[in-house]
Full PDB file with SEQRES, HELIX, SHEET, SSBOND, CRYST1, ORIGX, SCALE, CONECT and MASTER records, all heavy atoms in Angstrom:
SEQRES   1 A   33  PHE GLN GLU ALA ARG GLU LYS ARG GLY LEU VAL TYR ASN          
SEQRES   2 A   33  ILE TYR SER PHE SER THR SER TYR ASP ASP GLY GLY LEU          
SEQRES   3 A   33  PHE GLY ILE TYR ALA GLY THR                                  
HELIX    1 AA1 GLN A    2  GLU A    6  3                                   5    
SHEET    1 AA1 2 ASN A  13  TYR A  21  0                                        
SHEET    2 AA1 2 GLY A  24  GLY A  32 -1                                        
CRYST1    1.000    1.000    1.000  90.00  90.00  90.00 P 1           1          
ORIGX1      1.000000  0.000000  0.000000        0.00000                         
ORIGX2      0.000000  1.000000  0.000000        0.00000                         
ORIGX3      0.000000  0.000000  1.000000        0.00000                         
SCALE1      1.000000  0.000000  0.000000        0.00000                         
SCALE2      0.000000  1.000000  0.000000        0.00000                         
SCALE3      0.000000  0.000000  1.000000        0.00000                         
ATOM      1  N   PHE A   1     -59.574 -68.316 -50.380  1.00  0.00           N  
ATOM      2  CA  PHE A   1     -60.388 -67.131 -50.604  1.00  0.00           C  
ATOM      3  C   PHE A   1     -61.846 -67.284 -49.922  1.00  0.00           C  
ATOM      4  O   PHE A   1     -62.245 -66.444 -49.267  1.00  0.00           O  
ATOM      5  CB  PHE A   1     -60.504 -66.860 -52.095  1.00  0.00           C  
ATOM      6  CG  PHE A   1     -61.066 -65.436 -52.342  1.00  0.00           C  
ATOM      7  CD1 PHE A   1     -60.247 -64.372 -52.569  1.00  0.00           C  
ATOM      8  CD2 PHE A   1     -62.416 -65.266 -52.456  1.00  0.00           C  
ATOM      9  CE1 PHE A   1     -60.709 -63.166 -52.876  1.00  0.00           C  
ATOM     10  CE2 PHE A   1     -62.951 -63.965 -52.663  1.00  0.00           C  
ATOM     11  CZ  PHE A   1     -62.055 -62.936 -52.939  1.00  0.00           C  
ATOM     12  N   GLN A   2     -62.344 -68.459 -50.244  1.00  0.00           N  
ATOM     13  CA  GLN A   2     -63.719 -68.648 -49.591  1.00  0.00           C  
ATOM     14  C   GLN A   2     -63.704 -68.796 -48.123  1.00  0.00           C  
ATOM     15  O   GLN A   2     -64.525 -68.124 -47.473  1.00  0.00           O  
ATOM     16  CB  GLN A   2     -64.315 -69.973 -50.192  1.00  0.00           C  
ATOM     17  CG  GLN A   2     -64.744 -69.863 -51.762  1.00  0.00           C  
ATOM     18  CD  GLN A   2     -65.911 -68.895 -51.840  1.00  0.00           C  
ATOM     19  OE1 GLN A   2     -66.894 -68.986 -51.117  1.00  0.00           O  
ATOM     20  NE2 GLN A   2     -65.735 -68.073 -52.838  1.00  0.00           N  
ATOM     21  N   GLU A   3     -62.780 -69.495 -47.549  1.00  0.00           N  
ATOM     22  CA  GLU A   3     -62.711 -69.634 -46.100  1.00  0.00           C  
ATOM     23  C   GLU A   3     -62.190 -68.445 -45.326  1.00  0.00           C  
ATOM     24  O   GLU A   3     -62.817 -68.008 -44.328  1.00  0.00           O  
ATOM     25  CB  GLU A   3     -61.794 -70.823 -45.696  1.00  0.00           C  
ATOM     26  CG  GLU A   3     -62.351 -72.176 -46.131  1.00  0.00           C  
ATOM     27  CD  GLU A   3     -63.638 -72.571 -45.402  1.00  0.00           C  
ATOM     28  OE1 GLU A   3     -63.793 -72.141 -44.254  1.00  0.00           O  
ATOM     29  OE2 GLU A   3     -64.486 -73.308 -45.936  1.00  0.00           O  
ATOM     30  N   ALA A   4     -61.152 -67.787 -45.886  1.00  0.00           N  
ATOM     31  CA  ALA A   4     -60.515 -66.728 -45.170  1.00  0.00           C  
ATOM     32  C   ALA A   4     -61.226 -65.336 -45.381  1.00  0.00           C  
ATOM     33  O   ALA A   4     -61.371 -64.526 -44.502  1.00  0.00           O  
ATOM     34  CB  ALA A   4     -59.043 -66.580 -45.489  1.00  0.00           C  
ATOM     35  N   ARG A   5     -61.701 -65.079 -46.564  1.00  0.00           N  
ATOM     36  CA  ARG A   5     -62.313 -63.815 -46.863  1.00  0.00           C  
ATOM     37  C   ARG A   5     -63.777 -63.855 -46.882  1.00  0.00           C  
ATOM     38  O   ARG A   5     -64.471 -63.142 -46.174  1.00  0.00           O  
ATOM     39  CB  ARG A   5     -61.854 -63.286 -48.266  1.00  0.00           C  
ATOM     40  CG  ARG A   5     -62.541 -62.082 -48.667  1.00  0.00           C  
ATOM     41  CD  ARG A   5     -61.991 -61.317 -49.848  1.00  0.00           C  
ATOM     42  NE  ARG A   5     -62.773 -60.420 -50.444  1.00  0.00           N  
ATOM     43  CZ  ARG A   5     -62.537 -59.490 -51.272  1.00  0.00           C  
ATOM     44  NH1 ARG A   5     -61.235 -59.326 -51.638  1.00  0.00           N  
ATOM     45  NH2 ARG A   5     -63.415 -58.627 -51.776  1.00  0.00           N  
ATOM     46  N   GLU A   6     -64.391 -64.735 -47.694  1.00  0.00           N  
ATOM     47  CA  GLU A   6     -65.797 -64.840 -47.813  1.00  0.00           C  
ATOM     48  C   GLU A   6     -66.604 -65.299 -46.566  1.00  0.00           C  
ATOM     49  O   GLU A   6     -67.629 -64.673 -46.269  1.00  0.00           O  
ATOM     50  CB  GLU A   6     -66.213 -65.738 -49.040  1.00  0.00           C  
ATOM     51  CG  GLU A   6     -65.684 -65.262 -50.362  1.00  0.00           C  
ATOM     52  CD  GLU A   6     -66.183 -63.835 -50.757  1.00  0.00           C  
ATOM     53  OE1 GLU A   6     -67.342 -63.710 -51.318  1.00  0.00           O  
ATOM     54  OE2 GLU A   6     -65.523 -62.862 -50.495  1.00  0.00           O  
ATOM     55  N   LYS A   7     -66.135 -66.269 -45.866  1.00  0.00           N  
ATOM     56  CA  LYS A   7     -66.814 -66.738 -44.763  1.00  0.00           C  
ATOM     57  C   LYS A   7     -66.420 -66.124 -43.468  1.00  0.00           C  
ATOM     58  O   LYS A   7     -67.244 -65.958 -42.534  1.00  0.00           O  
ATOM     59  CB  LYS A   7     -66.497 -68.328 -44.675  1.00  0.00           C  
ATOM     60  CG  LYS A   7     -67.066 -69.102 -45.766  1.00  0.00           C  
ATOM     61  CD  LYS A   7     -66.888 -70.637 -45.489  1.00  0.00           C  
ATOM     62  CE  LYS A   7     -67.482 -71.432 -46.715  1.00  0.00           C  
ATOM     63  NZ  LYS A   7     -67.342 -72.830 -46.442  1.00  0.00           N  
ATOM     64  N   ARG A   8     -65.119 -65.672 -43.347  1.00  0.00           N  
ATOM     65  CA  ARG A   8     -64.734 -65.134 -42.002  1.00  0.00           C  
ATOM     66  C   ARG A   8     -64.275 -63.688 -42.047  1.00  0.00           C  
ATOM     67  O   ARG A   8     -64.098 -63.094 -41.020  1.00  0.00           O  
ATOM     68  CB  ARG A   8     -63.538 -65.951 -41.478  1.00  0.00           C  
ATOM     69  CG  ARG A   8     -63.925 -67.342 -41.118  1.00  0.00           C  
ATOM     70  CD  ARG A   8     -62.695 -68.165 -40.735  1.00  0.00           C  
ATOM     71  NE  ARG A   8     -63.030 -69.489 -40.215  1.00  0.00           N  
ATOM     72  CZ  ARG A   8     -63.382 -70.585 -40.921  1.00  0.00           C  
ATOM     73  NH1 ARG A   8     -63.430 -70.446 -42.217  1.00  0.00           N  
ATOM     74  NH2 ARG A   8     -63.643 -71.712 -40.406  1.00  0.00           N  
ATOM     75  N   GLY A   9     -64.029 -63.095 -43.268  1.00  0.00           N  
ATOM     76  CA  GLY A   9     -63.720 -61.689 -43.401  1.00  0.00           C  
ATOM     77  C   GLY A   9     -62.358 -61.329 -42.723  1.00  0.00           C  
ATOM     78  O   GLY A   9     -62.069 -60.208 -42.323  1.00  0.00           O  
ATOM     79  N   LEU A  10     -61.321 -62.359 -42.809  1.00  0.00           N  
ATOM     80  CA  LEU A  10     -60.070 -62.086 -42.186  1.00  0.00           C  
ATOM     81  C   LEU A  10     -59.069 -61.322 -43.028  1.00  0.00           C  
ATOM     82  O   LEU A  10     -58.054 -60.856 -42.554  1.00  0.00           O  
ATOM     83  CB  LEU A  10     -59.515 -63.486 -41.755  1.00  0.00           C  
ATOM     84  CG  LEU A  10     -60.312 -64.353 -40.715  1.00  0.00           C  
ATOM     85  CD1 LEU A  10     -59.598 -65.634 -40.585  1.00  0.00           C  
ATOM     86  CD2 LEU A  10     -60.368 -63.608 -39.452  1.00  0.00           C  
ATOM     87  N   VAL A  11     -59.325 -61.290 -44.331  1.00  0.00           N  
ATOM     88  CA  VAL A  11     -58.396 -60.810 -45.250  1.00  0.00           C  
ATOM     89  C   VAL A  11     -59.089 -59.979 -46.282  1.00  0.00           C  
ATOM     90  O   VAL A  11     -60.208 -60.257 -46.616  1.00  0.00           O  
ATOM     91  CB  VAL A  11     -57.453 -61.838 -45.877  1.00  0.00           C  
ATOM     92  CG1 VAL A  11     -56.685 -62.648 -44.912  1.00  0.00           C  
ATOM     93  CG2 VAL A  11     -58.247 -62.845 -46.772  1.00  0.00           C  
ATOM     94  N   TYR A  12     -58.206 -59.129 -47.005  1.00  0.00           N  
ATOM     95  CA  TYR A  12     -58.673 -58.658 -48.242  1.00  0.00           C  
ATOM     96  C   TYR A  12     -58.008 -59.432 -49.466  1.00  0.00           C  
ATOM     97  O   TYR A  12     -58.706 -59.705 -50.386  1.00  0.00           O  
ATOM     98  CB  TYR A  12     -58.357 -57.149 -48.325  1.00  0.00           C  
ATOM     99  CG  TYR A  12     -58.601 -56.553 -49.761  1.00  0.00           C  
ATOM    100  CD1 TYR A  12     -59.960 -56.365 -50.238  1.00  0.00           C  
ATOM    101  CD2 TYR A  12     -57.599 -56.334 -50.732  1.00  0.00           C  
ATOM    102  CE1 TYR A  12     -60.228 -55.874 -51.481  1.00  0.00           C  
ATOM    103  CE2 TYR A  12     -57.920 -55.880 -51.971  1.00  0.00           C  
ATOM    104  CZ  TYR A  12     -59.220 -55.596 -52.375  1.00  0.00           C  
ATOM    105  OH  TYR A  12     -59.404 -55.041 -53.512  1.00  0.00           O  
ATOM    106  N   ASN A  13     -56.832 -59.771 -49.232  1.00  0.00           N  
ATOM    107  CA  ASN A  13     -56.105 -60.465 -50.311  1.00  0.00           C  
ATOM    108  C   ASN A  13     -55.426 -61.750 -49.721  1.00  0.00           C  
ATOM    109  O   ASN A  13     -54.699 -61.661 -48.682  1.00  0.00           O  
ATOM    110  CB  ASN A  13     -54.998 -59.567 -50.849  1.00  0.00           C  
ATOM    111  CG  ASN A  13     -54.388 -60.082 -52.145  1.00  0.00           C  
ATOM    112  OD1 ASN A  13     -54.953 -60.923 -52.782  1.00  0.00           O  
ATOM    113  ND2 ASN A  13     -53.263 -59.468 -52.570  1.00  0.00           N  
ATOM    114  N   ILE A  14     -55.569 -62.846 -50.399  1.00  0.00           N  
ATOM    115  CA  ILE A  14     -54.918 -64.133 -50.059  1.00  0.00           C  
ATOM    116  C   ILE A  14     -54.859 -64.998 -51.267  1.00  0.00           C  
ATOM    117  O   ILE A  14     -55.863 -65.035 -52.038  1.00  0.00           O  
ATOM    118  CB  ILE A  14     -55.643 -64.787 -48.928  1.00  0.00           C  
ATOM    119  CG1 ILE A  14     -54.885 -66.049 -48.380  1.00  0.00           C  
ATOM    120  CG2 ILE A  14     -57.107 -65.219 -49.263  1.00  0.00           C  
ATOM    121  CD1 ILE A  14     -55.356 -66.653 -47.118  1.00  0.00           C  
ATOM    122  N   TYR A  15     -53.725 -65.560 -51.475  1.00  0.00           N  
ATOM    123  CA  TYR A  15     -53.540 -66.534 -52.629  1.00  0.00           C  
ATOM    124  C   TYR A  15     -52.484 -67.434 -52.470  1.00  0.00           C  
ATOM    125  O   TYR A  15     -51.546 -67.185 -51.617  1.00  0.00           O  
ATOM    126  CB  TYR A  15     -53.379 -65.634 -53.922  1.00  0.00           C  
ATOM    127  CG  TYR A  15     -52.154 -64.741 -53.918  1.00  0.00           C  
ATOM    128  CD1 TYR A  15     -50.899 -65.174 -54.276  1.00  0.00           C  
ATOM    129  CD2 TYR A  15     -52.340 -63.338 -53.579  1.00  0.00           C  
ATOM    130  CE1 TYR A  15     -49.782 -64.353 -54.232  1.00  0.00           C  
ATOM    131  CE2 TYR A  15     -51.245 -62.476 -53.577  1.00  0.00           C  
ATOM    132  CZ  TYR A  15     -49.916 -62.965 -53.926  1.00  0.00           C  
ATOM    133  OH  TYR A  15     -48.901 -62.236 -53.959  1.00  0.00           O  
ATOM    134  N   SER A  16     -52.358 -68.498 -53.263  1.00  0.00           N  
ATOM    135  CA  SER A  16     -51.249 -69.397 -53.194  1.00  0.00           C  
ATOM    136  C   SER A  16     -50.569 -69.295 -54.569  1.00  0.00           C  
ATOM    137  O   SER A  16     -51.125 -68.808 -55.615  1.00  0.00           O  
ATOM    138  CB  SER A  16     -51.560 -70.830 -52.963  1.00  0.00           C  
ATOM    139  OG  SER A  16     -52.536 -71.225 -53.969  1.00  0.00           O  
ATOM    140  N   PHE A  17     -49.285 -69.740 -54.663  1.00  0.00           N  
ATOM    141  CA  PHE A  17     -48.516 -69.677 -55.930  1.00  0.00           C  
ATOM    142  C   PHE A  17     -47.487 -70.774 -55.959  1.00  0.00           C  
ATOM    143  O   PHE A  17     -47.028 -71.306 -54.884  1.00  0.00           O  
ATOM    144  CB  PHE A  17     -47.798 -68.341 -55.999  1.00  0.00           C  
ATOM    145  CG  PHE A  17     -46.833 -67.953 -54.907  1.00  0.00           C  
ATOM    146  CD1 PHE A  17     -45.514 -68.340 -55.004  1.00  0.00           C  
ATOM    147  CD2 PHE A  17     -47.320 -67.257 -53.808  1.00  0.00           C  
ATOM    148  CE1 PHE A  17     -44.641 -68.080 -53.970  1.00  0.00           C  
ATOM    149  CE2 PHE A  17     -46.469 -67.035 -52.787  1.00  0.00           C  
ATOM    150  CZ  PHE A  17     -45.130 -67.379 -52.769  1.00  0.00           C  
ATOM    151  N   SER A  18     -47.211 -71.225 -57.157  1.00  0.00           N  
ATOM    152  CA  SER A  18     -46.162 -72.263 -57.327  1.00  0.00           C  
ATOM    153  C   SER A  18     -45.197 -71.801 -58.265  1.00  0.00           C  
ATOM    154  O   SER A  18     -45.480 -71.565 -59.486  1.00  0.00           O  
ATOM    155  CB  SER A  18     -46.858 -73.576 -57.810  1.00  0.00           C  
ATOM    156  OG  SER A  18     -45.873 -74.595 -57.932  1.00  0.00           O  
ATOM    157  N   THR A  19     -43.894 -71.579 -57.892  1.00  0.00           N  
ATOM    158  CA  THR A  19     -42.843 -71.126 -58.681  1.00  0.00           C  
ATOM    159  C   THR A  19     -41.926 -72.305 -58.994  1.00  0.00           C  
ATOM    160  O   THR A  19     -41.332 -72.984 -58.053  1.00  0.00           O  
ATOM    161  CB  THR A  19     -42.086 -69.954 -58.038  1.00  0.00           C  
ATOM    162  OG1 THR A  19     -42.952 -68.945 -57.729  1.00  0.00           O  
ATOM    163  CG2 THR A  19     -40.992 -69.406 -58.967  1.00  0.00           C  
ATOM    164  N   SER A  20     -41.584 -72.538 -60.206  1.00  0.00           N  
ATOM    165  CA  SER A  20     -40.621 -73.662 -60.669  1.00  0.00           C  
ATOM    166  C   SER A  20     -39.345 -73.081 -61.151  1.00  0.00           C  
ATOM    167  O   SER A  20     -39.350 -72.002 -61.861  1.00  0.00           O  
ATOM    168  CB  SER A  20     -41.345 -74.514 -61.688  1.00  0.00           C  
ATOM    169  OG  SER A  20     -42.373 -75.235 -61.229  1.00  0.00           O  
ATOM    170  N   TYR A  21     -38.226 -73.740 -60.821  1.00  0.00           N  
ATOM    171  CA  TYR A  21     -36.952 -73.386 -61.307  1.00  0.00           C  
ATOM    172  C   TYR A  21     -36.439 -74.620 -62.038  1.00  0.00           C  
ATOM    173  O   TYR A  21     -37.012 -75.663 -62.142  1.00  0.00           O  
ATOM    174  CB  TYR A  21     -36.034 -72.972 -60.166  1.00  0.00           C  
ATOM    175  CG  TYR A  21     -36.590 -71.796 -59.340  1.00  0.00           C  
ATOM    176  CD1 TYR A  21     -36.841 -71.973 -58.049  1.00  0.00           C  
ATOM    177  CD2 TYR A  21     -36.732 -70.610 -59.969  1.00  0.00           C  
ATOM    178  CE1 TYR A  21     -37.348 -70.859 -57.230  1.00  0.00           C  
ATOM    179  CE2 TYR A  21     -37.206 -69.541 -59.147  1.00  0.00           C  
ATOM    180  CZ  TYR A  21     -37.542 -69.697 -57.858  1.00  0.00           C  
ATOM    181  OH  TYR A  21     -38.029 -68.643 -57.094  1.00  0.00           O  
ATOM    182  N   ASP A  22     -35.239 -74.510 -62.568  1.00  0.00           N  
ATOM    183  CA  ASP A  22     -34.542 -75.597 -63.256  1.00  0.00           C  
ATOM    184  C   ASP A  22     -34.348 -76.853 -62.393  1.00  0.00           C  
ATOM    185  O   ASP A  22     -34.503 -78.043 -62.985  1.00  0.00           O  
ATOM    186  CB  ASP A  22     -33.226 -75.158 -63.880  1.00  0.00           C  
ATOM    187  CG  ASP A  22     -33.340 -74.258 -64.994  1.00  0.00           C  
ATOM    188  OD1 ASP A  22     -34.500 -74.113 -65.566  1.00  0.00           O  
ATOM    189  OD2 ASP A  22     -32.341 -73.541 -65.364  1.00  0.00           O  
ATOM    190  N   ASP A  23     -34.030 -76.721 -61.146  1.00  0.00           N  
ATOM    191  CA  ASP A  23     -33.793 -77.825 -60.297  1.00  0.00           C  
ATOM    192  C   ASP A  23     -34.500 -77.783 -58.951  1.00  0.00           C  
ATOM    193  O   ASP A  23     -34.002 -78.277 -58.021  1.00  0.00           O  
ATOM    194  CB  ASP A  23     -32.178 -77.964 -60.116  1.00  0.00           C  
ATOM    195  CG  ASP A  23     -31.735 -76.614 -59.574  1.00  0.00           C  
ATOM    196  OD1 ASP A  23     -32.374 -75.601 -59.560  1.00  0.00           O  
ATOM    197  OD2 ASP A  23     -30.501 -76.528 -59.172  1.00  0.00           O  
ATOM    198  N   GLY A  24     -35.627 -77.202 -58.907  1.00  0.00           N  
ATOM    199  CA  GLY A  24     -36.440 -77.208 -57.660  1.00  0.00           C  
ATOM    200  C   GLY A  24     -37.539 -76.160 -57.841  1.00  0.00           C  
ATOM    201  O   GLY A  24     -37.982 -75.752 -58.964  1.00  0.00           O  
ATOM    202  N   GLY A  25     -38.085 -75.727 -56.677  1.00  0.00           N  
ATOM    203  CA  GLY A  25     -39.222 -74.787 -56.768  1.00  0.00           C  
ATOM    204  C   GLY A  25     -39.638 -74.218 -55.457  1.00  0.00           C  
ATOM    205  O   GLY A  25     -39.002 -74.556 -54.404  1.00  0.00           O  
ATOM    206  N   LEU A  26     -40.685 -73.496 -55.404  1.00  0.00           N  
ATOM    207  CA  LEU A  26     -41.138 -72.837 -54.090  1.00  0.00           C  
ATOM    208  C   LEU A  26     -42.650 -72.790 -54.219  1.00  0.00           C  
ATOM    209  O   LEU A  26     -43.244 -72.175 -55.186  1.00  0.00           O  
ATOM    210  CB  LEU A  26     -40.490 -71.484 -53.832  1.00  0.00           C  
ATOM    211  CG  LEU A  26     -40.786 -70.818 -52.559  1.00  0.00           C  
ATOM    212  CD1 LEU A  26     -40.271 -71.622 -51.374  1.00  0.00           C  
ATOM    213  CD2 LEU A  26     -40.083 -69.499 -52.540  1.00  0.00           C  
ATOM    214  N   PHE A  27     -43.360 -73.458 -53.285  1.00  0.00           N  
ATOM    215  CA  PHE A  27     -44.791 -73.299 -53.167  1.00  0.00           C  
ATOM    216  C   PHE A  27     -45.110 -72.410 -52.066  1.00  0.00           C  
ATOM    217  O   PHE A  27     -44.607 -72.502 -50.962  1.00  0.00           O  
ATOM    218  CB  PHE A  27     -45.422 -74.662 -52.937  1.00  0.00           C  
ATOM    219  CG  PHE A  27     -46.946 -74.590 -52.816  1.00  0.00           C  
ATOM    220  CD1 PHE A  27     -47.778 -74.565 -53.870  1.00  0.00           C  
ATOM    221  CD2 PHE A  27     -47.468 -74.537 -51.494  1.00  0.00           C  
ATOM    222  CE1 PHE A  27     -49.087 -74.462 -53.686  1.00  0.00           C  
ATOM    223  CE2 PHE A  27     -48.814 -74.482 -51.370  1.00  0.00           C  
ATOM    224  CZ  PHE A  27     -49.665 -74.356 -52.441  1.00  0.00           C  
ATOM    225  N   GLY A  28     -45.952 -71.375 -52.247  1.00  0.00           N  
ATOM    226  CA  GLY A  28     -46.191 -70.368 -51.186  1.00  0.00           C  
ATOM    227  C   GLY A  28     -47.595 -69.892 -51.130  1.00  0.00           C  
ATOM    228  O   GLY A  28     -48.422 -70.038 -52.021  1.00  0.00           O  
ATOM    229  N   ILE A  29     -47.835 -69.315 -49.969  1.00  0.00           N  
ATOM    230  CA  ILE A  29     -49.198 -68.637 -49.639  1.00  0.00           C  
ATOM    231  C   ILE A  29     -48.918 -67.234 -49.170  1.00  0.00           C  
ATOM    232  O   ILE A  29     -48.048 -67.108 -48.107  1.00  0.00           O  
ATOM    233  CB  ILE A  29     -49.908 -69.405 -48.577  1.00  0.00           C  
ATOM    234  CG1 ILE A  29     -50.231 -70.872 -49.090  1.00  0.00           C  
ATOM    235  CG2 ILE A  29     -51.300 -68.739 -48.219  1.00  0.00           C  
ATOM    236  CD1 ILE A  29     -50.307 -71.825 -48.004  1.00  0.00           C  
ATOM    237  N   TYR A  30     -49.528 -66.235 -49.733  1.00  0.00           N  
ATOM    238  CA  TYR A  30     -49.421 -64.868 -49.176  1.00  0.00           C  
ATOM    239  C   TYR A  30     -50.832 -64.430 -48.718  1.00  0.00           C  
ATOM    240  O   TYR A  30     -51.807 -64.705 -49.303  1.00  0.00           O  
ATOM    241  CB  TYR A  30     -48.941 -63.924 -50.321  1.00  0.00           C  
ATOM    242  CG  TYR A  30     -49.188 -62.538 -49.896  1.00  0.00           C  
ATOM    243  CD1 TYR A  30     -48.248 -61.846 -49.013  1.00  0.00           C  
ATOM    244  CD2 TYR A  30     -50.253 -61.772 -50.290  1.00  0.00           C  
ATOM    245  CE1 TYR A  30     -48.442 -60.537 -48.594  1.00  0.00           C  
ATOM    246  CE2 TYR A  30     -50.524 -60.494 -49.810  1.00  0.00           C  
ATOM    247  CZ  TYR A  30     -49.651 -59.813 -49.045  1.00  0.00           C  
ATOM    248  OH  TYR A  30     -49.831 -58.572 -48.653  1.00  0.00           O  
ATOM    249  N   ALA A  31     -50.732 -63.658 -47.574  1.00  0.00           N  
ATOM    250  CA  ALA A  31     -51.942 -63.026 -47.135  1.00  0.00           C  
ATOM    251  C   ALA A  31     -51.604 -61.654 -46.418  1.00  0.00           C  
ATOM    252  O   ALA A  31     -50.549 -61.529 -45.825  1.00  0.00           O  
ATOM    253  CB  ALA A  31     -52.702 -63.892 -46.134  1.00  0.00           C  
ATOM    254  N   GLY A  32     -52.488 -60.785 -46.547  1.00  0.00           N  
ATOM    255  CA  GLY A  32     -52.445 -59.560 -45.739  1.00  0.00           C  
ATOM    256  C   GLY A  32     -53.618 -59.476 -44.830  1.00  0.00           C  
ATOM    257  O   GLY A  32     -54.808 -59.532 -45.378  1.00  0.00           O  
ATOM    258  N   THR A  33     -53.414 -59.180 -43.573  1.00  0.00           N  
ATOM    259  CA  THR A  33     -54.574 -59.301 -42.558  1.00  0.00           C  
ATOM    260  C   THR A  33     -54.258 -58.216 -41.482  1.00  0.00           C  
ATOM    261  O   THR A  33     -53.216 -57.619 -41.392  1.00  0.00           O  
ATOM    262  CB  THR A  33     -54.653 -60.679 -41.980  1.00  0.00           C  
ATOM    263  OG1 THR A  33     -55.823 -60.665 -41.261  1.00  0.00           O  
ATOM    264  CG2 THR A  33     -53.502 -61.049 -41.084  1.00  0.00           C  
TER     265      THR A  33                                                      
MASTER        0    0    0    1    2    0    0    6  264    1    0    3          
END                                                                             
């Protein structure tokens, strides 16, 4: 958020997420630009 939005103004929305399942998971980053 600080680098992409506050310092460079490249995005309105950006975030990361970590989703866990019973036997694995998915780590991700979403951005709209």
